[in-house]
Amino acid sequence: MLEEAARVFPEGECGENSWNGWTGALAAATGLKGRPLFMPLRKALTGLDHGPDMKKLLPLIGRDRALRRLAGEAA
């Protein structure tokens, strides 16, 4: 699922709308929704089970760092 998440990650800089567009594309590609979709992304991107709204965090994490974290690298 994380490989597919990296594949459909939006191009360019991350903004507040990136999260919704990205998770929508990922849901369409995988058939996942809700917790099974969001929890692996949150864990991969933040290392935490809960926290602030990912829509607001993703722009702070940034595209390059997010892709490295999805690949399992420390970023």
PDB file of N, CA and C in Angstrom:
ATOM      1  N   MET A   1       0.823  -1.186   0.000  1.00  0.00           N
ATOM      2  CA  MET A   1       0.000   0.000   0.000  1.00  0.00           C
ATOM      3  C   MET A   1       0.867   1.249   0.000  1.00  0.00           C
ATOM      4  N   LEU A   2       1.989   1.217   0.724  1.00  0.00           N
ATOM      5  CA  LEU A   2       2.850   2.398   0.772  1.00  0.00           C
ATOM      6  C   LEU A   2       3.550   2.632  -0.564  1.00  0.00           C
ATOM      7  N   GLU A   3       3.847   1.559  -1.291  1.00  0.00           N
ATOM      8  CA  GLU A   3       4.419   1.728  -2.635  1.00  0.00           C
ATOM      9  C   GLU A   3       3.422   2.424  -3.547  1.00  0.00           C
ATOM     10  N   GLU A   4       2.167   2.027  -3.462  1.00  0.00           N
ATOM     11  CA  GLU A   4       1.121   2.661  -4.266  1.00  0.00           C
ATOM     12  C   GLU A   4       0.928   4.109  -3.823  1.00  0.00           C
ATOM     13  N   ALA A   5       1.041   4.362  -2.524  1.00  0.00           N
ATOM     14  CA  ALA A   5       0.916   5.726  -2.009  1.00  0.00           C
ATOM     15  C   ALA A   5       2.000   6.621  -2.598  1.00  0.00           C
ATOM     16  N   ALA A   6       3.208   6.094  -2.693  1.00  0.00           N
ATOM     17  CA  ALA A   6       4.299   6.874  -3.292  1.00  0.00           C
ATOM     18  C   ALA A   6       4.048   7.095  -4.783  1.00  0.00           C
ATOM     19  N   ARG A   7       3.512   6.079  -5.447  1.00  0.00           N
ATOM     20  CA  ARG A   7       3.271   6.184  -6.892  1.00  0.00           C
ATOM     21  C   ARG A   7       2.238   7.262  -7.226  1.00  0.00           C
ATOM     22  N   VAL A   8       1.196   7.391  -6.404  1.00  0.00           N
ATOM     23  CA  VAL A   8       0.134   8.356  -6.696  1.00  0.00           C
ATOM     24  C   VAL A   8       0.324   9.685  -5.949  1.00  0.00           C
ATOM     25  N   PHE A   9       1.454   9.851  -5.267  1.00  0.00           N
ATOM     26  CA  PHE A   9       1.705  11.098  -4.533  1.00  0.00           C
ATOM     27  C   PHE A   9       1.691  12.264  -5.518  1.00  0.00           C
ATOM     28  N   PRO A  10       1.044  13.379  -5.148  1.00  0.00           N
ATOM     29  CA  PRO A  10       0.938  14.512  -6.072  1.00  0.00           C
ATOM     30  C   PRO A  10       2.296  15.137  -6.407  1.00  0.00           C
ATOM     31  N   GLU A  11       2.415  15.574  -7.628  1.00  0.00           N
ATOM     32  CA  GLU A  11       3.624  16.279  -8.073  1.00  0.00           C
ATOM     33  C   GLU A  11       3.640  17.683  -7.483  1.00  0.00           C
ATOM     34  N   GLY A  12       4.805  18.268  -7.437  1.00  0.00           N
ATOM     35  CA  GLY A  12       4.944  19.652  -6.991  1.00  0.00           C
ATOM     36  C   GLY A  12       4.889  19.794  -5.483  1.00  0.00           C
ATOM     37  N   GLU A  13       4.776  21.045  -5.070  1.00  0.00           N
ATOM     38  CA  GLU A  13       4.752  21.364  -3.646  1.00  0.00           C
ATOM     39  C   GLU A  13       3.456  20.924  -3.001  1.00  0.00           C
ATOM     40  N   CYS A  14       3.528  20.501  -1.764  1.00  0.00           N
ATOM     41  CA  CYS A  14       2.343  20.077  -1.014  1.00  0.00           C
ATOM     42  C   CYS A  14       1.644  21.290  -0.426  1.00  0.00           C
ATOM     43  N   GLY A  15       0.343  21.301  -0.564  1.00  0.00           N
ATOM     44  CA  GLY A  15      -0.485  22.338   0.044  1.00  0.00           C
ATOM     45  C   GLY A  15      -1.580  21.677   0.859  1.00  0.00           C
ATOM     46  N   GLU A  16      -2.484  22.470   1.419  1.00  0.00           N
ATOM     47  CA  GLU A  16      -3.555  21.919   2.241  1.00  0.00           C
ATOM     48  C   GLU A  16      -4.480  21.003   1.465  1.00  0.00           C
ATOM     49  N   ASN A  17      -4.597  21.204   0.163  1.00  0.00           N
ATOM     50  CA  ASN A  17      -5.477  20.356  -0.641  1.00  0.00           C
ATOM     51  C   ASN A  17      -4.794  19.071  -1.094  1.00  0.00           C
ATOM     52  N   SER A  18      -3.494  18.969  -0.907  1.00  0.00           N
ATOM     53  CA  SER A  18      -2.747  17.798  -1.365  1.00  0.00           C
ATOM     54  C   SER A  18      -3.205  16.524  -0.673  1.00  0.00           C
ATOM     55  N   TRP A  19      -3.456  16.589   0.621  1.00  0.00           N
ATOM     56  CA  TRP A  19      -3.844  15.400   1.376  1.00  0.00           C
ATOM     57  C   TRP A  19      -5.120  14.784   0.815  1.00  0.00           C
ATOM     58  N   ASN A  20      -6.152  15.600   0.620  1.00  0.00           N
ATOM     59  CA  ASN A  20      -7.428  15.076   0.127  1.00  0.00           C
ATOM     60  C   ASN A  20      -7.294  14.516  -1.280  1.00  0.00           C
ATOM     61  N   GLY A  21      -6.588  15.199  -2.146  1.00  0.00           N
ATOM     62  CA  GLY A  21      -6.386  14.703  -3.498  1.00  0.00           C
ATOM     63  C   GLY A  21      -5.593  13.408  -3.512  1.00  0.00           C
ATOM     64  N   TRP A  22      -4.550  13.360  -2.703  1.00  0.00           N
ATOM     65  CA  TRP A  22      -3.688  12.185  -2.639  1.00  0.00           C
ATOM     66  C   TRP A  22      -4.435  10.981  -2.075  1.00  0.00           C
ATOM     67  N   THR A  23      -5.123  11.159  -0.951  1.00  0.00           N
ATOM     68  CA  THR A  23      -5.823  10.023  -0.352  1.00  0.00           C
ATOM     69  C   THR A  23      -6.999   9.578  -1.219  1.00  0.00           C
ATOM     70  N   GLY A  24      -7.603  10.510  -1.943  1.00  0.00           N
ATOM     71  CA  GLY A  24      -8.665  10.127  -2.875  1.00  0.00           C
ATOM     72  C   GLY A  24      -8.132   9.254  -4.000  1.00  0.00           C
ATOM     73  N   ALA A  25      -6.981   9.638  -4.548  1.00  0.00           N
ATOM     74  CA  ALA A  25      -6.354   8.842  -5.611  1.00  0.00           C
ATOM     75  C   ALA A  25      -5.912   7.489  -5.079  1.00  0.00           C
ATOM     76  N   LEU A  26      -5.395   7.472  -3.862  1.00  0.00           N
ATOM     77  CA  LEU A  26      -4.947   6.217  -3.262  1.00  0.00           C
ATOM     78  C   LEU A  26      -6.132   5.302  -2.961  1.00  0.00           C
ATOM     79  N   ALA A  27      -7.227   5.855  -2.490  1.00  0.00           N
ATOM     80  CA  ALA A  27      -8.431   5.062  -2.234  1.00  0.00           C
ATOM     81  C   ALA A  27      -8.943   4.435  -3.523  1.00  0.00           C
ATOM     82  N   ALA A  28      -8.944   5.202  -4.600  1.00  0.00           N
ATOM     83  CA  ALA A  28      -9.396   4.681  -5.888  1.00  0.00           C
ATOM     84  C   ALA A  28      -8.476   3.571  -6.394  1.00  0.00           C
ATOM     85  N   ALA A  29      -7.183   3.713  -6.149  1.00  0.00           N
ATOM     86  CA  ALA A  29      -6.210   2.727  -6.638  1.00  0.00           C
ATOM     87  C   ALA A  29      -6.215   1.446  -5.814  1.00  0.00           C
ATOM     88  N   THR A  30      -6.510   1.551  -4.517  1.00  0.00           N
ATOM     89  CA  THR A  30      -6.390   0.387  -3.628  1.00  0.00           C
ATOM     90  C   THR A  30      -7.721  -0.187  -3.164  1.00  0.00           C
ATOM     91  N   GLY A  31      -8.781   0.607  -3.240  1.00  0.00           N
ATOM     92  CA  GLY A  31     -10.069   0.175  -2.709  1.00  0.00           C
ATOM     93  C   GLY A  31     -10.183   0.344  -1.203  1.00  0.00           C
ATOM     94  N   LEU A  32      -9.136   0.881  -0.578  1.00  0.00           N
ATOM     95  CA  LEU A  32      -9.151   1.101   0.868  1.00  0.00           C
ATOM     96  C   LEU A  32      -9.857   2.406   1.199  1.00  0.00           C
ATOM     97  N   LYS A  33     -10.414   2.475   2.400  1.00  0.00           N
ATOM     98  CA  LYS A  33     -11.001   3.733   2.868  1.00  0.00           C
ATOM     99  C   LYS A  33     -10.981   3.737   4.384  1.00  0.00           C
ATOM    100  N   GLY A  34     -11.169   4.907   4.957  1.00  0.00           N
ATOM    101  CA  GLY A  34     -11.206   5.031   6.410  1.00  0.00           C
ATOM    102  C   GLY A  34      -9.889   4.662   7.071  1.00  0.00           C
ATOM    103  N   ARG A  35      -9.981   4.076   8.228  1.00  0.00           N
ATOM    104  CA  ARG A  35      -8.818   3.740   9.047  1.00  0.00           C
ATOM    105  C   ARG A  35      -7.772   2.901   8.307  1.00  0.00           C
ATOM    106  N   PRO A  36      -8.156   1.855   7.555  1.00  0.00           N
ATOM    107  CA  PRO A  36      -7.144   1.068   6.839  1.00  0.00           C
ATOM    108  C   PRO A  36      -6.353   1.877   5.803  1.00  0.00           C
ATOM    109  N   LEU A  37      -6.930   2.963   5.345  1.00  0.00           N
ATOM    110  CA  LEU A  37      -6.227   3.848   4.408  1.00  0.00           C
ATOM    111  C   LEU A  37      -5.360   4.853   5.160  1.00  0.00           C
ATOM    112  N   PHE A  38      -5.935   5.507   6.160  1.00  0.00           N
ATOM    113  CA  PHE A  38      -5.268   6.633   6.800  1.00  0.00           C
ATOM    114  C   PHE A  38      -4.200   6.248   7.824  1.00  0.00           C
ATOM    115  N   MET A  39      -4.426   5.183   8.587  1.00  0.00           N
ATOM    116  CA  MET A  39      -3.473   4.837   9.643  1.00  0.00           C
ATOM    117  C   MET A  39      -2.085   4.448   9.116  1.00  0.00           C
ATOM    118  N   PRO A  40      -1.984   3.630   8.076  1.00  0.00           N
ATOM    119  CA  PRO A  40      -0.637   3.330   7.567  1.00  0.00           C
ATOM    120  C   PRO A  40       0.087   4.578   7.054  1.00  0.00           C
ATOM    121  N   LEU A  41      -0.672   5.502   6.470  1.00  0.00           N
ATOM    122  CA  LEU A  41      -0.048   6.741   5.992  1.00  0.00           C
ATOM    123  C   LEU A  41       0.454   7.572   7.167  1.00  0.00           C
ATOM    124  N   ARG A  42      -0.378   7.728   8.180  1.00  0.00           N
ATOM    125  CA  ARG A  42       0.029   8.503   9.359  1.00  0.00           C
ATOM    126  C   ARG A  42       1.256   7.881  10.007  1.00  0.00           C
ATOM    127  N   LYS A  43       1.250   6.543  10.175  1.00  0.00           N
ATOM    128  CA  LYS A  43       2.391   5.860  10.799  1.00  0.00           C
ATOM    129  C   LYS A  43       3.661   6.042   9.967  1.00  0.00           C
ATOM    130  N   ALA A  44       3.546   5.909   8.655  1.00  0.00           N
ATOM    131  CA  ALA A  44       4.719   6.039   7.785  1.00  0.00           C
ATOM    132  C   ALA A  44       5.246   7.469   7.783  1.00  0.00           C
ATOM    133  N   LEU A  45       4.354   8.438   7.776  1.00  0.00           N
ATOM    134  CA  LEU A  45       4.773   9.839   7.657  1.00  0.00           C
ATOM    135  C   LEU A  45       5.193  10.466   8.983  1.00  0.00           C
ATOM    136  N   THR A  46       4.576  10.036  10.094  1.00  0.00           N
ATOM    137  CA  THR A  46       4.862  10.691  11.375  1.00  0.00           C
ATOM    138  C   THR A  46       5.446   9.747  12.421  1.00  0.00           C
ATOM    139  N   GLY A  47       5.248   8.447  12.244  1.00  0.00           N
ATOM    140  CA  GLY A  47       5.685   7.489  13.252  1.00  0.00           C
ATOM    141  C   GLY A  47       4.737   7.396  14.431  1.00  0.00           C
ATOM    142  N   LEU A  48       3.589   8.053  14.334  1.00  0.00           N
ATOM    143  CA  LEU A  48       2.629   8.102  15.442  1.00  0.00           C
ATOM    144  C   LEU A  48       1.273   7.541  15.027  1.00  0.00           C
ATOM    145  N   ASP A  49       0.518   7.057  16.016  1.00  0.00           N
ATOM    146  CA  ASP A  49      -0.831   6.552  15.765  1.00  0.00           C
ATOM    147  C   ASP A  49      -1.877   7.653  15.718  1.00  0.00           C
ATOM    148  N   HIS A  50      -1.573   8.787  16.294  1.00  0.00           N
ATOM    149  CA  HIS A  50      -2.528   9.892  16.331  1.00  0.00           C
ATOM    150  C   HIS A  50      -1.757  11.207  16.375  1.00  0.00           C
ATOM    151  N   GLY A  51      -2.465  12.284  16.124  1.00  0.00           N
ATOM    152  CA  GLY A  51      -1.824  13.587  16.152  1.00  0.00           C
ATOM    153  C   GLY A  51      -2.638  14.603  15.381  1.00  0.00           C
ATOM    154  N   PRO A  52      -2.000  15.695  15.019  1.00  0.00           N
ATOM    155  CA  PRO A  52      -2.697  16.758  14.297  1.00  0.00           C
ATOM    156  C   PRO A  52      -3.224  16.280  12.942  1.00  0.00           C
ATOM    157  N   ASP A  53      -4.102  17.071  12.393  1.00  0.00           N
ATOM    158  CA  ASP A  53      -4.708  16.812  11.091  1.00  0.00           C
ATOM    159  C   ASP A  53      -3.625  16.651  10.021  1.00  0.00           C
ATOM    160  N   MET A  54      -3.634  15.531   9.331  1.00  0.00           N
ATOM    161  CA  MET A  54      -2.628  15.260   8.300  1.00  0.00           C
ATOM    162  C   MET A  54      -2.704  16.256   7.149  1.00  0.00           C
ATOM    163  N   LYS A  55      -3.873  16.809   6.919  1.00  0.00           N
ATOM    164  CA  LYS A  55      -4.018  17.820   5.868  1.00  0.00           C
ATOM    165  C   LYS A  55      -3.113  19.019   6.155  1.00  0.00           C
ATOM    166  N   LYS A  56      -2.936  19.322   7.420  1.00  0.00           N
ATOM    167  CA  LYS A  56      -2.080  20.446   7.810  1.00  0.00           C
ATOM    168  C   LYS A  56      -0.617  20.026   7.941  1.00  0.00           C
ATOM    169  N   LEU A  57      -0.371  18.761   8.298  1.00  0.00           N
ATOM    170  CA  LEU A  57       1.007  18.289   8.472  1.00  0.00           C
ATOM    171  C   LEU A  57       1.727  18.033   7.147  1.00  0.00           C
ATOM    172  N   LEU A  58       1.011  17.519   6.156  1.00  0.00           N
ATOM    173  CA  LEU A  58       1.665  17.140   4.909  1.00  0.00           C
ATOM    174  C   LEU A  58       2.452  18.288   4.280  1.00  0.00           C
ATOM    175  N   PRO A  59       1.924  19.509   4.229  1.00  0.00           N
ATOM    176  CA  PRO A  59       2.743  20.602   3.678  1.00  0.00           C
ATOM    177  C   PRO A  59       4.010  20.865   4.490  1.00  0.00           C
ATOM    178  N   LEU A  60       3.965  20.629   5.791  1.00  0.00           N
ATOM    179  CA  LEU A  60       5.149  20.828   6.631  1.00  0.00           C
ATOM    180  C   LEU A  60       6.180  19.724   6.405  1.00  0.00           C
ATOM    181  N   ILE A  61       5.703  18.518   6.176  1.00  0.00           N
ATOM    182  CA  ILE A  61       6.599  17.390   5.911  1.00  0.00           C
ATOM    183  C   ILE A  61       7.256  17.567   4.544  1.00  0.00           C
ATOM    184  N   GLY A  62       6.473  17.961   3.562  1.00  0.00           N
ATOM    185  CA  GLY A  62       7.000  18.189   2.219  1.00  0.00           C
ATOM    186  C   GLY A  62       7.068  16.920   1.384  1.00  0.00           C
ATOM    187  N   ARG A  63       7.088  17.102   0.089  1.00  0.00           N
ATOM    188  CA  ARG A  63       7.042  15.991  -0.857  1.00  0.00           C
ATOM    189  C   ARG A  63       8.252  15.067  -0.736  1.00  0.00           C
ATOM    190  N   ASP A  64       9.450  15.614  -0.771  1.00  0.00           N
ATOM    191  CA  ASP A  64      10.655  14.775  -0.756  1.00  0.00           C
ATOM    192  C   ASP A  64      10.755  13.949   0.520  1.00  0.00           C
ATOM    193  N   ARG A  65      10.535  14.579   1.648  1.00  0.00           N
ATOM    194  CA  ARG A  65      10.614  13.868   2.923  1.00  0.00           C
ATOM    195  C   ARG A  65       9.503  12.829   3.022  1.00  0.00           C
ATOM    196  N   ALA A  66       8.301  13.172   2.561  1.00  0.00           N
ATOM    197  CA  ALA A  66       7.190  12.222   2.597  1.00  0.00           C
ATOM    198  C   ALA A  66       7.512  10.985   1.758  1.00  0.00           C
ATOM    199  N   LEU A  67       8.054  11.178   0.572  1.00  0.00           N
ATOM    200  CA  LEU A  67       8.386  10.043  -0.284  1.00  0.00           C
ATOM    201  C   LEU A  67       9.467   9.170   0.335  1.00  0.00           C
ATOM    202  N   ARG A  68      10.442   9.794   0.987  1.00  0.00           N
ATOM    203  CA  ARG A  68      11.478   9.006   1.673  1.00  0.00           C
ATOM    204  C   ARG A  68      10.871   8.199   2.822  1.00  0.00           C
ATOM    205  N   ARG A  69       9.974   8.806   3.567  1.00  0.00           N
ATOM    206  CA  ARG A  69       9.343   8.101   4.682  1.00  0.00           C
ATOM    207  C   ARG A  69       8.449   6.971   4.181  1.00  0.00           C
ATOM    208  N   LEU A  70       7.758   7.172   3.090  1.00  0.00           N
ATOM    209  CA  LEU A  70       6.925   6.103   2.511  1.00  0.00           C
ATOM    210  C   LEU A  70       7.794   4.930   2.059  1.00  0.00           C
ATOM    211  N   ALA A  71       9.029   5.217   1.671  1.00  0.00           N
ATOM    212  CA  ALA A  71       9.958   4.170   1.254  1.00  0.00           C
ATOM    213  C   ALA A  71      10.641   3.499   2.443  1.00  0.00           C
ATOM    214  N   GLY A  72      10.339   3.958   3.657  1.00  0.00           N
ATOM    215  CA  GLY A  72      10.903   3.351   4.859  1.00  0.00           C
ATOM    216  C   GLY A  72      12.226   3.955   5.296  1.00  0.00           C
ATOM    217  N   GLU A  73      12.631   5.036   4.655  1.00  0.00           N
ATOM    218  CA  GLU A  73      13.875   5.698   5.040  1.00  0.00           C
ATOM    219  C   GLU A  73      13.623   6.658   6.186  1.00  0.00           C
ATOM    220  N   ALA A  74      14.614   6.859   7.018  1.00  0.00           N
ATOM    221  CA  ALA A  74      14.540   7.892   8.049  1.00  0.00           C
ATOM    222  C   ALA A  74      14.708   9.231   7.362  1.00  0.00           C
ATOM    223  N   ALA A  75      13.775  10.101   7.564  1.00  0.00           N
ATOM    224  CA  ALA A  75      13.861  11.400   6.882  1.00  0.00           C
ATOM    225  C   ALA A  75      13.524  12.512   7.835  1.00  0.00           C
TER     226      ALA A  75
END
